[in-house]
Amino acid sequence: MFIKAGLHCLTAHPATQLPQFNIRVNAVSPGVVRTSIYMGFIEPAKVAETSGSVNSFHPIGRIGHRTDVANVITFLLIILLLFRVCDVRGGLQCINPYSAVTR
């Protein structure tokens, strides 16, 4: 939780100071995303069980995919934004911003 807050602060401050130099500051803040790193923390025999338990508390019913994060990065590259931290957590923050930490 504190790492995400730090990311938000480290993004927001320079984003308010650097526009005069035509510098945009953005960050992508993914939640649980099915990647090789994620799979490395789970025993192969327990992947389905673990994914099912994580999927149950996401509003979209699944953990993130690499393409979800890639789509946000593409959006940031295309749209000229001054400041934005994009949480890619399947709507989880809409229910409870701390639910990933407390469960």
N, C-alpha and C. Protein backbone atom coordinates (compact mmCIF):
# COMPACT_ATOMS: atom_id res chain seq x y z
N MET A 1 0.82 -1.19 0.00
CA MET A 1 0.00 0.00 0.00
C MET A 1 0.87 1.26 0.00
N PHE A 2 1.92 1.27 0.81
CA PHE A 2 2.76 2.47 0.90
C PHE A 2 3.56 2.69 -0.39
N ILE A 3 3.91 1.61 -1.06
CA ILE A 3 4.65 1.75 -2.31
C ILE A 3 3.78 2.45 -3.34
N LYS A 4 2.49 2.08 -3.39
CA LYS A 4 1.57 2.71 -4.35
C LYS A 4 1.39 4.19 -4.00
N ALA A 5 1.28 4.50 -2.73
CA ALA A 5 1.14 5.90 -2.31
C ALA A 5 2.38 6.70 -2.70
N GLY A 6 3.54 6.09 -2.53
CA GLY A 6 4.79 6.75 -2.93
C GLY A 6 4.83 7.00 -4.42
N LEU A 7 4.35 6.04 -5.19
CA LEU A 7 4.30 6.21 -6.64
C LEU A 7 3.40 7.38 -7.02
N HIS A 8 2.25 7.47 -6.35
CA HIS A 8 1.33 8.58 -6.62
C HIS A 8 1.98 9.93 -6.29
N CYS A 9 2.65 10.01 -5.16
CA CYS A 9 3.29 11.27 -4.76
C CYS A 9 4.46 11.61 -5.68
N LEU A 10 5.27 10.62 -6.00
CA LEU A 10 6.41 10.87 -6.87
C LEU A 10 5.99 11.21 -8.30
N THR A 11 4.77 10.88 -8.65
CA THR A 11 4.25 11.24 -9.97
C THR A 11 3.59 12.62 -9.91
N ALA A 12 2.83 12.87 -8.87
CA ALA A 12 2.05 14.12 -8.78
C ALA A 12 2.95 15.35 -8.65
N HIS A 13 3.96 15.28 -7.82
CA HIS A 13 4.79 16.46 -7.59
C HIS A 13 5.50 16.94 -8.85
N PRO A 14 6.27 16.08 -9.54
CA PRO A 14 6.92 16.57 -10.76
C PRO A 14 5.92 16.96 -11.84
N ALA A 15 4.74 16.33 -11.82
CA ALA A 15 3.73 16.67 -12.83
C ALA A 15 3.23 18.10 -12.66
N THR A 16 3.31 18.63 -11.45
CA THR A 16 2.90 20.02 -11.24
C THR A 16 4.02 21.01 -11.50
N GLN A 17 5.25 20.52 -11.49
CA GLN A 17 6.40 21.41 -11.64
C GLN A 17 6.98 21.45 -13.06
N LEU A 18 6.73 20.42 -13.86
CA LEU A 18 7.43 20.29 -15.13
C LEU A 18 6.65 20.67 -16.40
N PRO A 19 5.36 20.97 -16.32
CA PRO A 19 4.64 21.32 -17.55
C PRO A 19 5.23 22.52 -18.29
N GLN A 20 5.80 23.46 -17.55
CA GLN A 20 6.39 24.64 -18.21
C GLN A 20 7.53 24.26 -19.14
N PHE A 21 8.07 23.05 -18.97
CA PHE A 21 9.15 22.56 -19.84
C PHE A 21 8.62 21.52 -20.84
N ASN A 22 7.30 21.46 -20.98
CA ASN A 22 6.65 20.49 -21.85
C ASN A 22 7.00 19.05 -21.50
N ILE A 23 7.07 18.78 -20.21
CA ILE A 23 7.36 17.43 -19.74
C ILE A 23 6.11 16.88 -19.06
N ARG A 24 5.66 15.73 -19.53
CA ARG A 24 4.53 15.04 -18.92
C ARG A 24 5.06 14.01 -17.94
N VAL A 25 4.35 13.81 -16.85
CA VAL A 25 4.73 12.80 -15.87
C VAL A 25 3.52 11.90 -15.63
N ASN A 26 3.68 10.63 -15.93
CA ASN A 26 2.61 9.66 -15.76
C ASN A 26 3.18 8.41 -15.13
N ALA A 27 2.32 7.59 -14.57
CA ALA A 27 2.74 6.31 -14.00
C ALA A 27 1.64 5.29 -14.23
N VAL A 28 2.04 4.06 -14.29
CA VAL A 28 1.09 2.96 -14.38
C VAL A 28 1.26 2.15 -13.10
N SER A 29 0.16 1.88 -12.44
CA SER A 29 0.19 1.23 -11.14
C SER A 29 -0.65 -0.04 -11.17
N PRO A 30 -0.10 -1.11 -11.72
CA PRO A 30 -0.90 -2.34 -11.83
C PRO A 30 -1.09 -3.05 -10.51
N GLY A 31 -2.19 -3.75 -10.42
CA GLY A 31 -2.45 -4.62 -9.28
C GLY A 31 -1.91 -6.01 -9.62
N VAL A 32 -2.71 -7.02 -9.35
CA VAL A 32 -2.30 -8.39 -9.66
C VAL A 32 -2.45 -8.61 -11.17
N VAL A 33 -1.36 -8.95 -11.82
CA VAL A 33 -1.34 -9.19 -13.26
C VAL A 33 -0.70 -10.55 -13.49
N ARG A 34 -1.35 -11.36 -14.30
CA ARG A 34 -0.83 -12.71 -14.57
C ARG A 34 0.38 -12.60 -15.51
N THR A 35 1.54 -12.72 -14.93
CA THR A 35 2.80 -12.66 -15.68
C THR A 35 3.69 -13.79 -15.19
N SER A 36 4.85 -13.92 -15.79
CA SER A 36 5.79 -14.96 -15.35
C SER A 36 6.26 -14.69 -13.91
N ILE A 37 6.34 -13.42 -13.54
CA ILE A 37 6.72 -13.10 -12.15
C ILE A 37 5.64 -13.57 -11.19
N TYR A 38 4.37 -13.26 -11.52
CA TYR A 38 3.24 -13.70 -10.68
C TYR A 38 3.24 -15.22 -10.58
N MET A 39 3.43 -15.91 -11.71
CA MET A 39 3.41 -17.37 -11.73
C MET A 39 4.58 -17.94 -10.94
N GLY A 40 5.67 -17.20 -10.83
CA GLY A 40 6.82 -17.66 -10.08
C GLY A 40 6.59 -17.73 -8.58
N PHE A 41 5.57 -17.04 -8.08
CA PHE A 41 5.26 -17.04 -6.66
C PHE A 41 4.29 -18.15 -6.27
N ILE A 42 3.75 -18.84 -7.26
CA ILE A 42 2.71 -19.84 -7.00
C ILE A 42 3.19 -21.19 -7.50
N GLU A 43 2.97 -22.21 -6.70
CA GLU A 43 3.30 -23.56 -7.14
C GLU A 43 2.43 -23.90 -8.34
N PRO A 44 3.00 -24.51 -9.38
CA PRO A 44 2.23 -24.82 -10.59
C PRO A 44 0.93 -25.57 -10.32
N ALA A 45 0.93 -26.45 -9.33
CA ALA A 45 -0.27 -27.23 -9.02
C ALA A 45 -1.38 -26.37 -8.40
N LYS A 46 -1.02 -25.20 -7.87
CA LYS A 46 -2.00 -24.36 -7.17
C LYS A 46 -2.41 -23.11 -7.95
N VAL A 47 -1.99 -23.00 -9.20
CA VAL A 47 -2.29 -21.80 -9.99
C VAL A 47 -3.79 -21.58 -10.14
N ALA A 48 -4.53 -22.62 -10.53
CA ALA A 48 -5.98 -22.48 -10.74
C ALA A 48 -6.68 -22.09 -9.44
N GLU A 49 -6.32 -22.73 -8.35
CA GLU A 49 -6.94 -22.44 -7.05
C GLU A 49 -6.65 -21.00 -6.61
N THR A 50 -5.40 -20.59 -6.73
CA THR A 50 -5.01 -19.25 -6.32
C THR A 50 -5.67 -18.20 -7.20
N SER A 51 -5.65 -18.42 -8.51
CA SER A 51 -6.28 -17.46 -9.43
C SER A 51 -7.77 -17.34 -9.13
N GLY A 52 -8.42 -18.45 -8.83
CA GLY A 52 -9.85 -18.42 -8.51
C GLY A 52 -10.15 -17.60 -7.27
N SER A 53 -9.30 -17.71 -6.25
CA SER A 53 -9.55 -16.94 -5.03
C SER A 53 -9.32 -15.45 -5.27
N VAL A 54 -8.33 -15.11 -6.08
CA VAL A 54 -8.07 -13.69 -6.40
C VAL A 54 -9.18 -13.15 -7.29
N ASN A 55 -9.62 -13.95 -8.26
CA ASN A 55 -10.67 -13.52 -9.19
C ASN A 55 -11.97 -13.21 -8.46
N SER A 56 -12.24 -13.90 -7.36
CA SER A 56 -13.52 -13.76 -6.68
C SER A 56 -13.78 -12.36 -6.13
N PHE A 57 -12.75 -11.58 -5.81
CA PHE A 57 -13.02 -10.24 -5.27
C PHE A 57 -12.79 -9.12 -6.27
N HIS A 58 -12.52 -9.45 -7.53
CA HIS A 58 -12.39 -8.43 -8.57
C HIS A 58 -13.74 -8.20 -9.24
N PRO A 59 -14.15 -6.94 -9.40
CA PRO A 59 -15.43 -6.65 -10.06
C PRO A 59 -15.53 -7.23 -11.47
N ILE A 60 -14.42 -7.30 -12.20
CA ILE A 60 -14.49 -7.85 -13.55
C ILE A 60 -14.32 -9.37 -13.55
N GLY A 61 -14.13 -9.96 -12.38
CA GLY A 61 -14.09 -11.41 -12.25
C GLY A 61 -12.80 -12.09 -12.67
N ARG A 62 -11.74 -11.34 -12.80
CA ARG A 62 -10.46 -11.95 -13.17
C ARG A 62 -9.31 -11.02 -12.77
N ILE A 63 -8.13 -11.60 -12.66
CA ILE A 63 -6.94 -10.77 -12.43
C ILE A 63 -6.53 -10.15 -13.76
N GLY A 64 -5.63 -9.22 -13.71
CA GLY A 64 -5.22 -8.51 -14.90
C GLY A 64 -4.39 -9.36 -15.85
N HIS A 65 -4.39 -8.93 -17.09
CA HIS A 65 -3.56 -9.55 -18.12
C HIS A 65 -2.53 -8.52 -18.57
N ARG A 66 -1.47 -8.99 -19.16
CA ARG A 66 -0.44 -8.08 -19.66
C ARG A 66 -1.02 -7.07 -20.64
N THR A 67 -2.01 -7.49 -21.41
CA THR A 67 -2.61 -6.58 -22.39
C THR A 67 -3.36 -5.44 -21.71
N ASP A 68 -3.90 -5.68 -20.51
CA ASP A 68 -4.57 -4.60 -19.78
C ASP A 68 -3.58 -3.48 -19.47
N VAL A 69 -2.41 -3.85 -19.00
CA VAL A 69 -1.38 -2.87 -18.67
C VAL A 69 -0.86 -2.22 -19.95
N ALA A 70 -0.64 -3.01 -20.98
CA ALA A 70 -0.14 -2.47 -22.25
C ALA A 70 -1.13 -1.47 -22.85
N ASN A 71 -2.43 -1.73 -22.71
CA ASN A 71 -3.43 -0.81 -23.24
C ASN A 71 -3.39 0.54 -22.52
N VAL A 72 -3.17 0.52 -21.21
CA VAL A 72 -3.06 1.78 -20.45
C VAL A 72 -1.82 2.55 -20.89
N ILE A 73 -0.71 1.85 -21.07
CA ILE A 73 0.52 2.51 -21.51
C ILE A 73 0.32 3.11 -22.90
N THR A 74 -0.34 2.38 -23.77
CA THR A 74 -0.63 2.90 -25.11
C THR A 74 -1.48 4.15 -25.02
N PHE A 75 -2.49 4.12 -24.15
CA PHE A 75 -3.35 5.29 -23.95
C PHE A 75 -2.52 6.49 -23.52
N LEU A 76 -1.61 6.29 -22.57
CA LEU A 76 -0.78 7.39 -22.09
C LEU A 76 0.14 7.94 -23.18
N LEU A 77 0.58 7.08 -24.05
CA LEU A 77 1.45 7.52 -25.13
C LEU A 77 0.70 8.28 -26.21
N ILE A 78 -0.57 7.96 -26.38
CA ILE A 78 -1.37 8.59 -27.44
C ILE A 78 -2.00 9.90 -26.95
N ILE A 79 -2.58 9.88 -25.79
CA ILE A 79 -3.29 11.04 -25.24
C ILE A 79 -2.29 11.90 -24.46
N LEU A 80 -2.28 13.18 -24.73
CA LEU A 80 -1.38 14.08 -24.01
C LEU A 80 -1.99 14.44 -22.67
N LEU A 81 -1.51 13.79 -21.64
CA LEU A 81 -2.00 14.02 -20.29
C LEU A 81 -0.95 14.77 -19.48
N LEU A 82 -1.41 15.63 -18.62
CA LEU A 82 -0.49 16.35 -17.74
C LEU A 82 -0.09 15.46 -16.57
N PHE A 83 -1.07 14.90 -15.89
CA PHE A 83 -0.78 14.05 -14.73
C PHE A 83 -1.84 12.98 -14.63
N ARG A 84 -1.41 11.78 -14.51
CA ARG A 84 -2.35 10.69 -14.33
C ARG A 84 -1.60 9.48 -13.79
N VAL A 85 -2.13 8.88 -12.74
CA VAL A 85 -1.66 7.58 -12.28
C VAL A 85 -2.78 6.62 -12.61
N CYS A 86 -2.52 5.68 -13.44
CA CYS A 86 -3.55 4.75 -13.89
C CYS A 86 -3.46 3.46 -13.09
N ASP A 87 -4.43 3.23 -12.24
CA ASP A 87 -4.51 1.97 -11.51
C ASP A 87 -5.13 0.94 -12.43
N VAL A 88 -4.44 -0.14 -12.65
CA VAL A 88 -4.93 -1.21 -13.51
C VAL A 88 -5.23 -2.38 -12.58
N ARG A 89 -6.39 -2.28 -11.90
CA ARG A 89 -6.72 -3.29 -10.90
C ARG A 89 -8.13 -3.83 -11.10
N GLY A 90 -8.64 -3.80 -12.29
CA GLY A 90 -9.94 -4.42 -12.57
C GLY A 90 -11.09 -3.81 -11.80
N GLY A 91 -11.01 -2.55 -11.44
CA GLY A 91 -12.08 -1.90 -10.71
C GLY A 91 -12.06 -2.15 -9.22
N LEU A 92 -11.04 -2.85 -8.75
CA LEU A 92 -10.96 -3.19 -7.33
C LEU A 92 -10.96 -1.95 -6.45
N GLN A 93 -10.28 -0.89 -6.89
CA GLN A 93 -10.22 0.32 -6.08
C GLN A 93 -11.58 0.99 -5.93
N CYS A 94 -12.53 0.67 -6.80
CA CYS A 94 -13.87 1.24 -6.70
C CYS A 94 -14.64 0.66 -5.54
N ILE A 95 -14.33 -0.58 -5.18
CA ILE A 95 -15.01 -1.23 -4.06
C ILE A 95 -14.37 -0.81 -2.75
N ASN A 96 -13.06 -1.00 -2.65
CA ASN A 96 -12.31 -0.68 -1.45
C ASN A 96 -10.86 -0.49 -1.87
N PRO A 97 -10.33 0.70 -1.77
CA PRO A 97 -8.96 0.93 -2.24
C PRO A 97 -7.91 0.11 -1.52
N TYR A 98 -8.25 -0.44 -0.36
CA TYR A 98 -7.27 -1.20 0.41
C TYR A 98 -7.58 -2.70 0.41
N SER A 99 -8.56 -3.13 -0.37
CA SER A 99 -8.99 -4.53 -0.30
C SER A 99 -7.89 -5.49 -0.71
N ALA A 100 -7.03 -5.12 -1.62
CA ALA A 100 -5.95 -6.03 -2.02
C ALA A 100 -4.97 -6.25 -0.88
N VAL A 101 -4.88 -5.28 0.01
CA VAL A 101 -3.96 -5.38 1.14
C VAL A 101 -4.60 -6.12 2.30
N THR A 102 -5.89 -5.91 2.52
CA THR A 102 -6.53 -6.45 3.71
C THR A 102 -7.01 -7.88 3.55
N ARG A 103 -7.03 -8.39 2.35
CA ARG A 103 -7.50 -9.78 2.16
C ARG A 103 -6.34 -10.73 2.14
